[in-house]
């Protein structure tokens, strides 16, 4: 079933199974997005994700289809992250992290953990744009919609973020 059909079923008849299907489809991408924004802090990312899923459910009837459901859901998750950040934000340090291990061969899970720790060298805006571009495969326009950054700013954040990551890896 496509996203619009699932959304209609949730809105029109409160179909919990349809909502669960939507969440299952997008929860991995949203959780990864939040985990990277939180520099690998899984517990905080999961807390924010739960808040985001609740808000998605509460606001589902406001989804107008002007963007993809994924873009809309990521925007809600991003707003939940920003709200959390305003309350309390603990930045983890990468002190003493040996970046030369990045070039070794790792399982995907290990690489993911290393990348999340590396993301700590980026500011929040760069981290957000790089994650949405690289991990979520979103276009610059979709990222602009989610973050409300101008298109040129999104491109700058992505380029600068990628350069910082490359510089960190090759130190």
N, C-alpha and C. Protein backbone atom coordinates (compact mmCIF):
# COMPACT_ATOMS: atom_id res chain seq x y z
N UNK A 1 0.83 -1.17 0.00
CA UNK A 1 0.00 0.00 0.00
C UNK A 1 0.89 1.25 0.00
N UNK A 2 0.54 2.26 -0.77
CA UNK A 2 1.35 3.47 -0.82
C UNK A 2 1.07 4.37 0.40
N UNK A 3 1.94 5.34 0.61
CA UNK A 3 1.85 6.20 1.79
C UNK A 3 0.52 6.94 1.88
N UNK A 4 0.06 7.48 0.76
CA UNK A 4 -1.19 8.26 0.79
C UNK A 4 -2.39 7.40 1.18
N UNK A 5 -2.41 6.17 0.74
CA UNK A 5 -3.50 5.26 1.12
C UNK A 5 -3.44 4.96 2.61
N UNK A 6 -2.24 4.70 3.11
CA UNK A 6 -2.07 4.43 4.54
C UNK A 6 -2.49 5.64 5.37
N UNK A 7 -2.07 6.82 4.95
CA UNK A 7 -2.43 8.04 5.66
C UNK A 7 -3.94 8.23 5.69
N UNK A 8 -4.57 8.04 4.55
CA UNK A 8 -6.03 8.18 4.47
C UNK A 8 -6.72 7.21 5.41
N UNK A 9 -6.22 5.99 5.50
CA UNK A 9 -6.83 4.99 6.39
C UNK A 9 -6.69 5.40 7.86
N UNK A 10 -5.56 5.98 8.20
CA UNK A 10 -5.36 6.42 9.58
C UNK A 10 -6.30 7.59 9.89
N UNK A 11 -6.34 8.57 9.01
CA UNK A 11 -7.15 9.76 9.24
C UNK A 11 -8.64 9.44 9.23
N UNK A 12 -9.08 8.65 8.25
CA UNK A 12 -10.52 8.40 8.08
C UNK A 12 -11.10 7.38 9.06
N UNK A 13 -10.30 6.38 9.42
CA UNK A 13 -10.88 5.33 10.28
C UNK A 13 -10.02 5.00 11.49
N UNK A 14 -8.97 5.78 11.73
CA UNK A 14 -8.12 5.52 12.89
C UNK A 14 -7.41 4.18 12.83
N UNK A 15 -7.12 3.72 11.63
CA UNK A 15 -6.49 2.42 11.42
C UNK A 15 -5.07 2.39 12.00
N UNK A 16 -4.92 1.77 13.16
CA UNK A 16 -3.63 1.70 13.84
C UNK A 16 -2.63 0.84 13.07
N UNK A 17 -3.12 -0.18 12.40
CA UNK A 17 -2.24 -1.04 11.60
C UNK A 17 -1.62 -0.23 10.45
N UNK A 18 -2.40 0.64 9.83
CA UNK A 18 -1.89 1.48 8.74
C UNK A 18 -0.81 2.42 9.27
N UNK A 19 -1.05 2.99 10.47
CA UNK A 19 -0.04 3.88 11.04
C UNK A 19 1.23 3.10 11.39
N UNK A 20 1.07 1.93 11.95
CA UNK A 20 2.22 1.09 12.28
C UNK A 20 3.03 0.76 11.02
N UNK A 21 2.34 0.52 9.92
CA UNK A 21 3.01 0.24 8.66
C UNK A 21 3.83 1.44 8.20
N UNK A 22 3.26 2.64 8.31
CA UNK A 22 3.98 3.86 7.96
C UNK A 22 5.24 4.02 8.82
N UNK A 23 5.07 3.84 10.12
CA UNK A 23 6.20 4.00 11.03
C UNK A 23 7.28 2.96 10.75
N UNK A 24 6.89 1.73 10.53
CA UNK A 24 7.88 0.68 10.23
C UNK A 24 8.68 1.04 8.97
N UNK A 25 8.00 1.65 8.01
CA UNK A 25 8.64 2.00 6.75
C UNK A 25 9.71 3.10 6.94
N UNK A 26 9.47 4.04 7.84
CA UNK A 26 10.34 5.20 7.97
C UNK A 26 11.13 5.28 9.27
N UNK A 27 10.84 4.40 10.22
CA UNK A 27 11.48 4.56 11.52
C UNK A 27 13.00 4.40 11.47
N UNK A 28 13.51 3.50 10.65
CA UNK A 28 14.96 3.32 10.55
C UNK A 28 15.66 4.58 10.09
N UNK A 29 15.13 5.20 9.05
CA UNK A 29 15.74 6.42 8.52
C UNK A 29 15.64 7.58 9.51
N UNK A 30 14.51 7.70 10.17
CA UNK A 30 14.34 8.78 11.13
C UNK A 30 15.22 8.56 12.35
N UNK A 31 15.29 7.33 12.83
CA UNK A 31 16.15 7.05 13.99
C UNK A 31 17.62 7.29 13.65
N UNK A 32 18.05 6.88 12.47
CA UNK A 32 19.44 7.12 12.07
C UNK A 32 19.72 8.62 11.96
N UNK A 33 18.80 9.35 11.37
CA UNK A 33 18.91 10.81 11.25
C UNK A 33 19.09 11.44 12.63
N UNK A 34 18.25 11.06 13.57
CA UNK A 34 18.32 11.63 14.92
C UNK A 34 19.58 11.16 15.66
N UNK A 35 19.97 9.91 15.43
CA UNK A 35 21.18 9.40 16.07
C UNK A 35 22.40 10.19 15.59
N UNK A 36 22.44 10.50 14.32
CA UNK A 36 23.58 11.27 13.79
C UNK A 36 23.53 12.72 14.26
N UNK A 37 22.35 13.28 14.35
CA UNK A 37 22.25 14.65 14.87
C UNK A 37 22.73 14.69 16.32
N UNK A 38 22.55 13.59 17.03
CA UNK A 38 22.98 13.49 18.42
C UNK A 38 24.36 12.86 18.55
N UNK A 39 25.12 12.84 17.47
CA UNK A 39 26.50 12.33 17.46
C UNK A 39 26.60 10.93 18.06
N UNK A 40 25.63 10.08 17.72
CA UNK A 40 25.69 8.68 18.13
C UNK A 40 25.04 8.38 19.46
N UNK A 41 24.44 9.35 20.11
CA UNK A 41 23.77 9.13 21.40
C UNK A 41 22.44 8.43 21.13
N UNK A 42 22.49 7.10 21.16
CA UNK A 42 21.33 6.26 20.81
C UNK A 42 20.14 6.51 21.74
N UNK A 43 20.38 6.61 23.03
CA UNK A 43 19.29 6.77 23.99
C UNK A 43 18.53 8.08 23.74
N UNK A 44 19.28 9.16 23.55
CA UNK A 44 18.64 10.45 23.29
C UNK A 44 17.91 10.42 21.95
N UNK A 45 18.55 9.84 20.95
CA UNK A 45 17.92 9.75 19.63
C UNK A 45 16.61 8.96 19.71
N UNK A 46 16.59 7.87 20.46
CA UNK A 46 15.37 7.08 20.62
C UNK A 46 14.28 7.87 21.34
N UNK A 47 14.66 8.64 22.36
CA UNK A 47 13.69 9.47 23.07
C UNK A 47 13.07 10.50 22.13
N UNK A 48 13.91 11.14 21.34
CA UNK A 48 13.42 12.15 20.40
C UNK A 48 12.58 11.49 19.31
N UNK A 49 12.98 10.31 18.87
CA UNK A 49 12.22 9.60 17.84
C UNK A 49 10.82 9.27 18.35
N UNK A 50 10.72 8.83 19.60
CA UNK A 50 9.40 8.52 20.16
C UNK A 50 8.51 9.76 20.17
N UNK A 51 9.10 10.89 20.55
CA UNK A 51 8.35 12.15 20.53
C UNK A 51 7.93 12.49 19.09
N UNK A 52 8.84 12.29 18.15
CA UNK A 52 8.54 12.59 16.74
C UNK A 52 7.41 11.70 16.23
N UNK A 53 7.44 10.41 16.55
CA UNK A 53 6.39 9.51 16.07
C UNK A 53 5.03 9.89 16.66
N UNK A 54 5.04 10.31 17.92
CA UNK A 54 3.80 10.77 18.55
C UNK A 54 3.27 12.01 17.84
N UNK A 55 4.15 12.94 17.55
CA UNK A 55 3.72 14.16 16.85
C UNK A 55 3.26 13.87 15.42
N UNK A 56 3.94 12.95 14.78
CA UNK A 56 3.52 12.57 13.43
C UNK A 56 2.08 12.05 13.48
N UNK A 57 1.79 11.21 14.46
CA UNK A 57 0.44 10.68 14.60
C UNK A 57 -0.56 11.80 14.88
N UNK A 58 -0.19 12.68 15.80
CA UNK A 58 -1.09 13.77 16.18
C UNK A 58 -1.34 14.75 15.05
N UNK A 59 -0.36 14.94 14.18
CA UNK A 59 -0.47 15.94 13.11
C UNK A 59 -0.74 15.33 11.74
N UNK A 60 -0.98 14.04 11.70
CA UNK A 60 -1.13 13.37 10.40
C UNK A 60 -2.22 14.01 9.54
N UNK A 61 -3.26 14.51 10.17
CA UNK A 61 -4.34 15.12 9.39
C UNK A 61 -3.94 16.47 8.78
N UNK A 62 -2.75 16.99 9.15
CA UNK A 62 -2.27 18.24 8.55
C UNK A 62 -1.34 17.99 7.36
N UNK A 63 -1.02 16.72 7.11
CA UNK A 63 -0.17 16.39 5.96
C UNK A 63 -0.94 16.68 4.68
N UNK A 64 -0.40 17.59 3.88
CA UNK A 64 -1.09 18.03 2.67
C UNK A 64 -0.56 17.39 1.40
N UNK A 65 0.53 16.64 1.52
CA UNK A 65 1.10 15.99 0.34
C UNK A 65 1.89 16.93 -0.55
N UNK A 66 2.26 18.10 -0.04
CA UNK A 66 3.05 19.03 -0.84
C UNK A 66 4.50 18.57 -0.97
N UNK A 67 4.90 17.68 -0.09
CA UNK A 67 6.21 17.04 -0.17
C UNK A 67 5.95 15.55 0.10
N UNK A 68 6.98 14.76 0.03
CA UNK A 68 6.80 13.34 0.33
C UNK A 68 6.52 13.17 1.83
N UNK A 69 5.92 12.07 2.20
CA UNK A 69 5.68 11.79 3.61
C UNK A 69 7.02 11.72 4.35
N UNK A 70 8.04 11.15 3.71
CA UNK A 70 9.36 11.06 4.33
C UNK A 70 9.90 12.44 4.67
N UNK A 71 9.80 13.38 3.75
CA UNK A 71 10.27 14.74 4.00
C UNK A 71 9.50 15.37 5.15
N UNK A 72 8.19 15.22 5.13
CA UNK A 72 7.33 15.77 6.18
C UNK A 72 7.68 15.16 7.54
N UNK A 73 7.86 13.86 7.59
CA UNK A 73 8.18 13.17 8.85
C UNK A 73 9.56 13.57 9.35
N UNK A 74 10.53 13.69 8.44
CA UNK A 74 11.87 14.14 8.84
C UNK A 74 11.81 15.57 9.39
N UNK A 75 10.97 16.40 8.82
CA UNK A 75 10.84 17.77 9.31
C UNK A 75 10.32 17.77 10.74
N UNK A 76 9.34 16.95 11.03
CA UNK A 76 8.83 16.85 12.40
C UNK A 76 9.92 16.35 13.33
N UNK A 77 10.65 15.33 12.91
CA UNK A 77 11.74 14.80 13.73
C UNK A 77 12.81 15.88 13.98
N UNK A 78 13.12 16.63 12.96
CA UNK A 78 14.11 17.70 13.10
C UNK A 78 13.62 18.76 14.10
N UNK A 79 12.35 19.12 14.01
CA UNK A 79 11.79 20.09 14.94
C UNK A 79 11.81 19.56 16.38
N UNK A 80 11.55 18.27 16.54
CA UNK A 80 11.64 17.66 17.87
C UNK A 80 13.08 17.72 18.39
N UNK A 81 14.03 17.47 17.50
CA UNK A 81 15.44 17.57 17.88
C UNK A 81 15.77 19.00 18.32
N UNK A 82 15.34 19.99 17.55
CA UNK A 82 15.62 21.38 17.90
C UNK A 82 14.99 21.74 19.24
N UNK A 83 13.79 21.26 19.48
CA UNK A 83 13.11 21.51 20.76
C UNK A 83 13.92 20.89 21.90
N UNK A 84 14.38 19.68 21.70
CA UNK A 84 15.21 19.01 22.71
C UNK A 84 16.48 19.81 22.95
N UNK A 85 17.11 20.24 21.86
CA UNK A 85 18.38 20.96 21.94
C UNK A 85 18.21 22.25 22.74
N UNK A 86 17.07 22.90 22.60
CA UNK A 86 16.83 24.13 23.34
C UNK A 86 16.75 23.84 24.85
N UNK A 87 16.20 22.69 25.21
CA UNK A 87 16.07 22.35 26.63
C UNK A 87 17.42 21.93 27.20
N UNK A 88 17.99 20.89 26.63
CA UNK A 88 19.25 20.35 27.13
C UNK A 88 19.98 19.72 25.95
N UNK A 89 21.24 20.10 25.77
CA UNK A 89 22.01 19.47 24.70
C UNK A 89 23.42 19.22 25.23
N UNK A 90 23.79 17.97 25.27
CA UNK A 90 25.11 17.59 25.73
C UNK A 90 25.91 17.12 24.52
N UNK A 91 26.97 17.86 24.23
CA UNK A 91 27.80 17.49 23.10
C UNK A 91 28.92 16.56 23.58
N UNK A 92 29.03 15.42 22.92
CA UNK A 92 30.06 14.44 23.26
C UNK A 92 31.34 14.76 22.50
N UNK A 93 32.44 14.59 23.16
CA UNK A 93 33.74 14.88 22.57
C UNK A 93 34.29 13.64 21.88
N UNK A 94 35.14 13.85 20.92
CA UNK A 94 35.79 12.77 20.22
C UNK A 94 37.24 12.66 20.70
N UNK A 95 37.54 13.23 21.85
CA UNK A 95 38.91 13.28 22.37
C UNK A 95 39.60 11.93 22.28
N UNK A 96 40.79 11.96 21.74
CA UNK A 96 41.61 10.77 21.70
C UNK A 96 41.15 9.72 20.71
N UNK A 97 40.16 10.00 19.91
CA UNK A 97 39.64 9.03 18.95
C UNK A 97 40.63 8.86 17.81
N UNK A 98 41.07 7.67 17.57
CA UNK A 98 42.06 7.39 16.54
C UNK A 98 41.35 7.26 15.19
N UNK A 99 41.42 8.33 14.39
CA UNK A 99 40.70 8.36 13.13
C UNK A 99 41.31 7.46 12.06
N UNK A 100 42.52 7.00 12.26
CA UNK A 100 43.14 6.12 11.26
C UNK A 100 42.38 4.81 11.15
N UNK A 101 41.64 4.44 12.18
CA UNK A 101 40.87 3.19 12.10
C UNK A 101 39.72 3.30 11.11
N UNK A 102 39.38 4.53 10.74
CA UNK A 102 38.29 4.73 9.78
C UNK A 102 38.60 4.06 8.44
N UNK A 103 39.89 3.96 8.11
CA UNK A 103 40.28 3.40 6.82
C UNK A 103 40.33 1.87 6.84
N UNK A 104 40.23 1.27 8.02
CA UNK A 104 40.24 -0.19 8.12
C UNK A 104 38.90 -0.75 7.65
N UNK A 105 38.86 -2.05 7.48
CA UNK A 105 37.63 -2.70 7.05
C UNK A 105 36.78 -3.02 8.29
N UNK A 106 35.52 -2.60 8.23
CA UNK A 106 34.61 -2.80 9.35
C UNK A 106 33.28 -3.32 8.85
N UNK A 107 32.54 -3.91 9.76
CA UNK A 107 31.16 -4.27 9.48
C UNK A 107 30.38 -2.95 9.36
N UNK A 108 29.22 -2.99 8.71
CA UNK A 108 28.42 -1.78 8.53
C UNK A 108 28.07 -1.12 9.85
N UNK A 109 27.74 -1.90 10.86
CA UNK A 109 27.38 -1.35 12.16
C UNK A 109 28.55 -0.60 12.77
N UNK A 110 29.74 -1.16 12.66
CA UNK A 110 30.93 -0.50 13.20
C UNK A 110 31.21 0.80 12.45
N UNK A 111 31.08 0.77 11.13
CA UNK A 111 31.29 1.98 10.33
C UNK A 111 30.29 3.05 10.74
N UNK A 112 29.04 2.63 10.94
CA UNK A 112 27.99 3.57 11.31
C UNK A 112 28.33 4.26 12.64
N UNK A 113 28.82 3.50 13.59
CA UNK A 113 29.18 4.06 14.90
C UNK A 113 30.35 5.05 14.76
N UNK A 114 31.31 4.71 13.93
CA UNK A 114 32.46 5.59 13.72
C UNK A 114 32.00 6.88 13.05
N UNK A 115 31.17 6.76 12.03
CA UNK A 115 30.66 7.95 11.33
C UNK A 115 29.90 8.84 12.30
N UNK A 116 29.09 8.24 13.16
CA UNK A 116 28.32 9.03 14.12
C UNK A 116 29.24 9.80 15.06
N UNK A 117 30.34 9.19 15.47
CA UNK A 117 31.29 9.91 16.33
C UNK A 117 31.99 11.01 15.55
N UNK A 118 32.28 10.76 14.29
CA UNK A 118 32.92 11.78 13.46
C UNK A 118 32.00 12.98 13.23
N UNK A 119 30.71 12.73 13.19
CA UNK A 119 29.74 13.80 12.95
C UNK A 119 29.83 14.88 14.02
N UNK A 120 30.43 14.55 15.15
CA UNK A 120 30.55 15.50 16.24
C UNK A 120 31.42 16.70 15.87
N UNK A 121 32.26 16.57 14.84
CA UNK A 121 33.11 17.69 14.43
C UNK A 121 32.33 18.73 13.62
N UNK A 122 31.10 18.40 13.25
CA UNK A 122 30.27 19.32 12.48
C UNK A 122 29.34 20.09 13.41
N UNK A 123 28.99 21.31 12.99
CA UNK A 123 27.97 22.01 13.76
C UNK A 123 26.62 21.40 13.41
N UNK A 124 25.60 21.76 14.16
CA UNK A 124 24.28 21.14 14.02
C UNK A 124 23.73 21.30 12.60
N UNK A 125 23.86 22.47 12.02
CA UNK A 125 23.33 22.71 10.67
C UNK A 125 24.03 21.83 9.64
N UNK A 126 25.35 21.74 9.73
CA UNK A 126 26.10 20.89 8.79
C UNK A 126 25.74 19.43 9.00
N UNK A 127 25.67 19.01 10.25
CA UNK A 127 25.33 17.63 10.59
C UNK A 127 23.97 17.25 10.02
N UNK A 128 23.03 18.15 10.16
CA UNK A 128 21.67 17.91 9.65
C UNK A 128 21.67 17.76 8.14
N UNK A 129 22.27 18.72 7.45
CA UNK A 129 22.26 18.71 5.98
C UNK A 129 23.03 17.52 5.41
N UNK A 130 24.19 17.22 5.98
CA UNK A 130 24.97 16.08 5.49
C UNK A 130 24.21 14.78 5.71
N UNK A 131 23.62 14.62 6.88
CA UNK A 131 22.90 13.39 7.18
C UNK A 131 21.71 13.20 6.24
N UNK A 132 20.94 14.26 6.04
CA UNK A 132 19.78 14.15 5.15
C UNK A 132 20.21 13.88 3.70
N UNK A 133 21.31 14.48 3.29
CA UNK A 133 21.79 14.29 1.92
C UNK A 133 22.38 12.90 1.71
N UNK A 134 23.32 12.53 2.57
CA UNK A 134 24.06 11.29 2.36
C UNK A 134 23.29 10.07 2.85
N UNK A 135 22.83 10.11 4.08
CA UNK A 135 22.17 8.94 4.67
C UNK A 135 20.74 8.75 4.19
N UNK A 136 20.00 9.85 4.12
CA UNK A 136 18.60 9.74 3.72
C UNK A 136 18.42 9.89 2.21
N UNK A 137 19.47 10.32 1.50
CA UNK A 137 19.40 10.45 0.05
C UNK A 137 18.45 11.53 -0.43
N UNK A 138 18.25 12.55 0.38
CA UNK A 138 17.31 13.60 0.01
C UNK A 138 17.97 14.64 -0.89
N UNK A 139 17.15 15.27 -1.69
CA UNK A 139 17.63 16.33 -2.57
C UNK A 139 17.87 17.60 -1.75
N UNK A 140 18.60 18.52 -2.34
CA UNK A 140 18.84 19.80 -1.67
C UNK A 140 17.51 20.51 -1.38
N UNK A 141 16.58 20.42 -2.30
CA UNK A 141 15.28 21.08 -2.11
C UNK A 141 14.52 20.45 -0.94
N UNK A 142 14.54 19.13 -0.82
CA UNK A 142 13.87 18.47 0.30
C UNK A 142 14.51 18.88 1.62
N UNK A 143 15.84 18.98 1.64
CA UNK A 143 16.54 19.39 2.85
C UNK A 143 16.16 20.83 3.21
N UNK A 144 16.07 21.67 2.20
CA UNK A 144 15.66 23.06 2.41
C UNK A 144 14.25 23.12 3.01
N UNK A 145 13.37 22.26 2.54
CA UNK A 145 12.01 22.21 3.07
C UNK A 145 12.01 21.80 4.54
N UNK A 146 12.80 20.81 4.88
CA UNK A 146 12.84 20.31 6.26
C UNK A 146 13.45 21.34 7.20
N UNK A 147 14.59 21.90 6.81
CA UNK A 147 15.35 22.77 7.71
C UNK A 147 14.94 24.24 7.65
N UNK A 148 14.25 24.60 6.57
CA UNK A 148 13.90 26.00 6.29
C UNK A 148 15.12 26.85 6.00
N UNK A 149 16.25 26.21 5.65
CA UNK A 149 17.44 26.93 5.21
C UNK A 149 17.27 27.24 3.73
N UNK A 150 17.77 28.40 3.26
CA UNK A 150 17.76 28.67 1.82
C UNK A 150 18.56 27.59 1.09
N UNK A 151 18.21 27.35 -0.17
CA UNK A 151 18.85 26.31 -0.96
C UNK A 151 20.37 26.46 -1.00
N UNK A 152 20.86 27.67 -1.19
CA UNK A 152 22.31 27.90 -1.24
C UNK A 152 22.98 27.57 0.09
N UNK A 153 22.29 27.84 1.18
CA UNK A 153 22.82 27.53 2.50
C UNK A 153 22.92 26.02 2.70
N UNK A 154 21.91 25.30 2.23
CA UNK A 154 21.94 23.84 2.32
C UNK A 154 23.16 23.30 1.58
N UNK A 155 23.37 23.78 0.37
CA UNK A 155 24.51 23.32 -0.43
C UNK A 155 25.84 23.65 0.28
N UNK A 156 25.93 24.84 0.85
CA UNK A 156 27.15 25.23 1.57
C UNK A 156 27.38 24.33 2.77
N UNK A 157 26.33 24.07 3.55
CA UNK A 157 26.47 23.21 4.73
C UNK A 157 26.92 21.81 4.33
N UNK A 158 26.38 21.29 3.25
CA UNK A 158 26.76 19.94 2.80
C UNK A 158 28.23 19.93 2.37
N UNK A 159 28.61 20.88 1.55
CA UNK A 159 30.00 20.92 1.08
C UNK A 159 30.99 21.14 2.22
N UNK A 160 30.68 22.09 3.09
CA UNK A 160 31.57 22.37 4.22
C UNK A 160 31.63 21.17 5.18
N UNK A 161 30.48 20.55 5.43
CA UNK A 161 30.43 19.39 6.31
C UNK A 161 31.24 18.23 5.76
N UNK A 162 31.07 17.94 4.48
CA UNK A 162 31.84 16.85 3.86
C UNK A 162 33.33 17.13 3.93
N UNK A 163 33.71 18.40 3.70
CA UNK A 163 35.13 18.75 3.75
C UNK A 163 35.68 18.58 5.16
N UNK A 164 34.93 19.00 6.17
CA UNK A 164 35.37 18.83 7.55
C UNK A 164 35.56 17.35 7.89
N UNK A 165 34.62 16.52 7.43
CA UNK A 165 34.73 15.09 7.69
C UNK A 165 35.96 14.50 7.01
N UNK A 166 36.19 14.89 5.76
CA UNK A 166 37.38 14.41 5.04
C UNK A 166 38.66 14.88 5.73
N UNK A 167 38.67 16.12 6.18
CA UNK A 167 39.85 16.63 6.88
C UNK A 167 40.09 15.86 8.17
N UNK A 168 39.03 15.53 8.87
CA UNK A 168 39.14 14.79 10.13
C UNK A 168 39.67 13.38 9.88
N UNK A 169 39.19 12.74 8.83
CA UNK A 169 39.62 11.39 8.49
C UNK A 169 41.08 11.36 8.09
N UNK A 170 41.54 12.40 7.41
CA UNK A 170 42.91 12.40 6.89
C UNK A 170 43.90 13.14 7.79
N UNK A 171 43.54 13.38 9.02
CA UNK A 171 44.47 14.02 9.96
C UNK A 171 45.57 13.06 10.35
